Amino acid sequence: MMRQPTLFLTVGLPGTGKTTAARSIEIDQHALRLTKDEWVKALFGRDNPPSASDVIEGRLIEVALRALELGCNVVIDFGLWSRNERSALRQAAVDVGALVEMRYFELTPVEQRVRLDQRLAEAPHTTWQITDDDLAEWATHFDVPAPGELDGGEPLDEPPAGFATWSDWRADRWPPTRC
């Protein structure tokens, strides 16, 4: 009998420890780790084109869902700043018969800055320059997960207006291409 696979979602702003945790989950839970930044770096080097981000995330999500269908645990390491993103992925996991575990990471802006500077100094090939203005701006766009969202105790939200299903919303948020 095949065990039920788990989708692990790492949630947080840059420099909060998501990738470090995702690497541990990968080993401890025998999970396929999908870290968007590694793919962007491999494909675009020093560039970080915003137009590519959503498409790469979408392709990695499709890989994740297929791996879950095959019984493999998966850890998605994107940040997942919006509740809608997290809800869409929680529903997608349920649709393929998987469990979901969400891990939220937060630090003070000062700790975040220290970690980001350290990462840039020690492994510049893995990251991009991130300014304090970037961090402040991104923090305004981040939906902190509610306790019930984190522990799975609250029901999933309905899809946003204009979308019949979370699958429809997911296809719009993470398009297959940027034509």
Protein backbone atom coordinates (compact mmCIF):
# COMPACT_ATOMS: atom_id res chain seq x y z
CA MET A 1 0.00 0.00 0.00
CA MET A 2 1.37 3.39 -0.99
CA ARG A 3 1.63 6.07 1.69
CA GLN A 4 -0.07 9.42 1.23
CA PRO A 5 2.47 11.99 -0.04
CA THR A 6 2.93 15.40 1.54
CA LEU A 7 3.32 18.81 -0.07
CA PHE A 8 5.51 21.01 2.13
CA LEU A 9 5.09 24.75 1.55
CA THR A 10 7.79 27.15 2.75
CA VAL A 11 6.34 30.58 3.40
CA GLY A 12 8.26 33.77 4.09
CA LEU A 13 10.19 36.71 2.74
CA PRO A 14 13.77 36.47 1.38
CA GLY A 15 16.49 35.61 3.85
CA THR A 16 14.21 34.13 6.50
CA GLY A 17 15.47 30.55 6.22
CA LYS A 18 13.10 28.95 3.73
CA THR A 19 15.73 27.34 1.53
CA THR A 20 17.75 26.07 4.49
CA ALA A 21 14.59 24.48 5.85
CA ALA A 22 13.61 23.14 2.42
CA ARG A 23 16.98 21.40 2.17
CA SER A 24 16.38 19.74 5.55
CA ILE A 25 12.86 18.70 4.56
CA GLU A 26 14.25 17.29 1.31
CA ILE A 27 16.53 14.96 3.29
CA ASP A 28 14.38 14.23 6.33
CA GLN A 29 11.17 13.60 4.39
CA HIS A 30 12.68 12.17 1.19
CA ALA A 31 11.06 15.02 -0.72
CA LEU A 32 11.64 16.49 -4.13
CA ARG A 33 12.82 20.07 -3.45
CA LEU A 34 11.73 22.73 -5.95
CA THR A 35 13.53 26.01 -5.29
CA LYS A 36 12.60 28.66 -7.84
CA ASP A 37 15.70 30.81 -7.32
CA GLU A 38 17.97 27.92 -8.30
CA TRP A 39 16.14 27.60 -11.60
CA VAL A 40 16.12 31.34 -12.28
CA LYS A 41 19.86 31.51 -11.54
CA ALA A 42 20.58 28.51 -13.80
CA LEU A 43 18.55 29.95 -16.67
CA PHE A 44 19.27 33.68 -16.39
CA GLY A 45 22.48 34.10 -14.37
CA ARG A 46 22.79 37.60 -12.94
CA ASP A 47 19.43 38.62 -14.38
CA ASN A 48 16.23 38.02 -12.48
CA PRO A 49 13.53 38.86 -15.03
CA PRO A 50 10.16 39.37 -13.36
CA SER A 51 8.41 38.01 -16.44
CA ALA A 52 10.11 34.64 -15.98
CA SER A 53 9.29 34.18 -12.30
CA ASP A 54 5.61 33.27 -12.62
CA VAL A 55 6.23 30.91 -15.53
CA ILE A 56 9.05 29.08 -13.74
CA GLU A 57 6.94 28.78 -10.59
CA GLY A 58 4.07 27.42 -12.70
CA ARG A 59 6.22 24.80 -14.35
CA LEU A 60 7.65 23.73 -11.00
CA ILE A 61 4.16 23.49 -9.54
CA GLU A 62 3.16 21.16 -12.38
CA VAL A 63 6.21 19.00 -11.62
CA ALA A 64 5.27 19.06 -7.93
CA LEU A 65 1.70 17.94 -8.60
CA ARG A 66 2.86 15.10 -10.84
CA ALA A 67 5.39 13.96 -8.23
CA LEU A 68 2.65 13.99 -5.58
CA GLU A 69 0.43 11.90 -7.87
CA LEU A 70 3.30 9.40 -8.09
CA GLY A 71 3.53 9.25 -4.29
CA CYS A 72 6.60 11.43 -3.79
CA ASN A 73 6.80 14.08 -1.08
CA VAL A 74 7.51 17.57 -2.43
CA VAL A 75 8.77 20.78 -0.87
CA ILE A 76 8.02 24.04 -2.70
CA ASP A 77 10.46 26.80 -1.85
CA PHE A 78 9.01 30.00 -3.37
CA GLY A 79 7.96 32.22 -0.48
CA LEU A 80 4.25 32.05 -1.31
CA TRP A 81 3.52 35.58 -0.14
CA SER A 82 -0.24 35.59 -0.76
CA ARG A 83 -2.96 33.62 0.96
CA ASN A 84 -4.46 32.95 -2.47
CA GLU A 85 -1.25 31.25 -3.62
CA ARG A 86 -1.21 29.09 -0.53
CA SER A 87 -4.92 28.26 -0.82
CA ALA A 88 -4.53 27.32 -4.48
CA LEU A 89 -1.65 24.97 -3.68
CA ARG A 90 -3.41 23.48 -0.66
CA GLN A 91 -6.41 22.71 -2.89
CA ALA A 92 -4.20 21.31 -5.67
CA ALA A 93 -2.55 18.97 -3.17
CA VAL A 94 -5.93 17.78 -1.88
CA ASP A 95 -7.06 17.25 -5.49
CA VAL A 96 -4.18 14.81 -6.09
CA GLY A 97 -4.65 13.05 -2.74
CA ALA A 98 -1.75 14.64 -0.85
CA LEU A 99 -1.41 16.09 2.61
CA VAL A 100 -0.10 19.62 3.15
CA GLU A 101 2.32 20.98 5.72
CA MET A 102 3.00 24.69 5.75
CA ARG A 103 6.15 26.11 7.35
CA TYR A 104 6.25 29.85 8.02
CA PHE A 105 9.54 31.72 8.49
CA GLU A 106 9.93 35.24 9.76
CA LEU A 107 12.76 37.40 11.07
CA THR A 108 13.15 41.00 12.06
CA PRO A 109 14.26 43.24 9.19
CA VAL A 110 17.67 43.60 10.87
CA GLU A 111 18.17 39.82 11.06
CA GLN A 112 16.94 39.47 7.50
CA ARG A 113 19.45 42.07 6.30
CA VAL A 114 22.32 40.31 8.08
CA ARG A 115 21.42 36.96 6.50
CA LEU A 116 21.01 38.43 3.03
CA ASP A 117 24.36 40.25 3.23
CA GLN A 118 26.04 37.09 4.47
CA ARG A 119 24.54 35.02 1.65
CA LEU A 120 25.62 37.59 -0.95
CA ALA A 121 29.17 37.62 0.46
CA GLU A 122 29.52 33.85 0.83
CA ALA A 123 27.56 32.55 -2.17
CA PRO A 124 26.94 35.36 -4.67
CA HIS A 125 26.17 32.80 -7.40
CA THR A 126 23.02 31.79 -5.50
CA THR A 127 21.39 35.16 -4.97
CA TRP A 128 20.81 38.71 -6.15
CA GLN A 129 21.39 42.06 -4.51
CA ILE A 130 18.36 42.96 -2.38
CA THR A 131 18.05 46.48 -1.03
CA ASP A 132 16.40 47.64 2.17
CA ASP A 133 13.82 49.40 0.00
CA ASP A 134 13.08 46.06 -1.72
CA LEU A 135 12.58 44.37 1.64
CA ALA A 136 10.30 47.14 2.92
CA GLU A 137 8.24 47.07 -0.28
CA TRP A 138 7.91 43.30 -0.31
CA ALA A 139 6.84 43.23 3.34
CA THR A 140 3.82 45.35 2.40
CA HIS A 141 2.75 42.67 -0.11
CA PHE A 142 3.15 39.72 2.25
CA ASP A 143 0.08 38.06 3.81
CA VAL A 144 1.16 36.59 7.13
CA PRO A 145 -0.45 33.15 7.45
CA ALA A 146 -3.18 32.85 10.06
CA PRO A 147 -2.75 30.12 12.70
CA GLY A 148 -5.59 28.09 11.19
CA GLU A 149 -4.00 28.31 7.77
CA LEU A 150 -0.68 27.07 9.15
CA ASP A 151 -2.06 24.11 11.06
CA GLY A 152 -4.72 23.27 8.46
CA GLY A 153 -7.47 23.81 11.01
CA GLU A 154 -9.44 26.31 8.97
CA PRO A 155 -11.22 25.44 5.75
CA LEU A 156 -9.88 26.59 2.42
CA ASP A 157 -11.09 29.92 1.14
CA GLU A 158 -13.28 30.04 -1.93
CA PRO A 159 -11.45 31.09 -5.12
CA PRO A 160 -11.36 34.85 -5.76
CA ALA A 161 -14.17 36.49 -7.71
CA GLY A 162 -14.00 35.68 -11.40
CA PHE A 163 -12.61 32.17 -10.88
CA ALA A 164 -14.84 29.11 -10.63
CA THR A 165 -12.10 26.92 -9.15
CA TRP A 166 -8.66 27.20 -7.58
CA SER A 167 -7.34 25.35 -10.63
CA ASP A 168 -8.62 28.21 -12.84
CA TRP A 169 -6.98 30.76 -10.53
CA ARG A 170 -3.73 28.78 -10.52
CA ALA A 171 -3.63 28.74 -14.34
CA ASP A 172 -4.05 32.52 -14.39
CA ARG A 173 -1.51 33.20 -11.60
CA TRP A 174 1.11 30.79 -12.93
CA PRO A 175 0.70 30.81 -16.71
CA PRO A 176 2.41 28.16 -18.85
CA THR A 177 4.19 30.84 -20.89
CA ARG A 178 4.65 34.59 -21.26
CA CYS A 179 3.73 35.05 -24.91
